[in-house]
Amino acid sequence: MAFVDQSGWLAYFAALANVSTTLIWKRTLPEDAHIYGPAYGQESYVVVRWTWFIMPAFLVAMSVLLLLLTAVGSA
């Protein structure tokens, strides 16, 4: 497709990715969230935000329901 300038799209999506990354990092890791002091051992902490799980789980459940209703309706 000669009429589409792909370098413009690549630059656009690169800039979009940079802005998104910066926004996410600034919201999740504010400067005052760092704790300074001696470390006696290495530990990993994982914070699960379950509210982000609701929408994908709902979409999967509705897709399965649609599949089942389609199968029953076409039988």
Protein backbone atom coordinates (compact mmCIF):
# COMPACT_ATOMS: atom_id res chain seq x y z
CA MET A 1 0.00 0.00 0.00
CA ALA A 2 2.00 2.91 -1.29
CA PHE A 3 -0.42 5.59 -0.10
CA VAL A 4 0.03 4.79 3.62
CA ASP A 5 3.05 6.34 5.32
CA GLN A 6 4.09 3.60 7.74
CA SER A 7 6.86 5.62 9.37
CA GLY A 8 4.23 8.07 10.61
CA TRP A 9 2.22 5.26 12.18
CA LEU A 10 5.30 3.76 13.79
CA ALA A 11 6.26 7.10 15.28
CA TYR A 12 2.70 7.66 16.48
CA PHE A 13 2.50 4.29 18.25
CA ALA A 14 6.00 4.69 19.72
CA ALA A 15 4.98 8.06 21.18
CA LEU A 16 1.71 6.58 22.46
CA ALA A 17 3.60 3.75 24.16
CA ASN A 18 6.01 6.21 25.79
CA VAL A 19 3.21 8.40 27.12
CA SER A 20 1.26 5.38 28.41
CA THR A 21 4.31 3.94 30.15
CA THR A 22 5.15 7.27 31.76
CA LEU A 23 1.57 7.73 32.96
CA ILE A 24 1.37 4.22 34.42
CA TRP A 25 4.70 4.50 36.21
CA LYS A 26 3.87 7.89 37.67
CA ARG A 27 0.51 6.68 38.99
CA THR A 28 1.71 3.40 40.45
CA LEU A 29 5.13 4.40 41.76
CA PRO A 30 5.08 7.87 43.27
CA GLU A 31 8.39 9.21 44.54
CA ASP A 32 7.34 8.91 48.19
CA ALA A 33 6.64 5.17 47.79
CA HIS A 34 10.32 4.28 48.02
CA ILE A 35 11.50 3.04 51.38
CA TYR A 36 15.15 3.51 52.22
CA GLY A 37 16.99 1.45 54.81
CA PRO A 38 18.97 -1.74 55.31
CA ALA A 39 17.79 -4.84 53.51
CA TYR A 40 18.29 -8.08 55.40
CA GLY A 41 16.93 -10.36 52.71
CA GLN A 42 15.32 -10.31 49.32
CA GLU A 43 11.53 -10.58 49.31
CA SER A 44 9.04 -10.20 46.52
CA TYR A 45 5.61 -8.74 47.01
CA VAL A 46 2.82 -9.02 44.49
CA VAL A 47 -0.21 -6.77 44.66
CA VAL A 48 -3.20 -8.20 42.80
CA ARG A 49 -5.81 -5.69 41.83
CA TRP A 50 -8.86 -7.89 41.44
CA THR A 51 -11.00 -5.14 39.95
CA TRP A 52 -8.96 -5.48 36.74
CA PHE A 53 -10.02 -9.14 36.59
CA ILE A 54 -13.77 -8.44 36.55
CA MET A 55 -14.13 -7.20 32.96
CA PRO A 56 -12.12 -9.97 31.22
CA ALA A 57 -13.84 -12.63 33.36
CA PHE A 58 -17.24 -11.17 32.50
CA LEU A 59 -16.41 -11.15 28.78
CA VAL A 60 -15.24 -14.78 28.89
CA ALA A 61 -18.38 -15.83 30.78
CA MET A 62 -20.65 -14.05 28.30
CA SER A 63 -18.77 -15.59 25.37
CA VAL A 64 -19.22 -19.07 26.82
CA LEU A 65 -22.89 -18.35 27.44
CA LEU A 66 -23.33 -17.14 23.86
CA LEU A 67 -21.57 -20.26 22.56
CA LEU A 68 -23.81 -22.55 24.64
CA LEU A 69 -27.00 -20.74 23.63
CA THR A 70 -25.97 -20.88 19.98
CA ALA A 71 -25.27 -24.60 20.22
CA VAL A 72 -28.59 -25.29 21.96
CA GLY A 73 -30.50 -23.07 19.52
CA SER A 74 -29.03 -24.73 16.45
CA ALA A 75 -29.52 -28.30 17.69
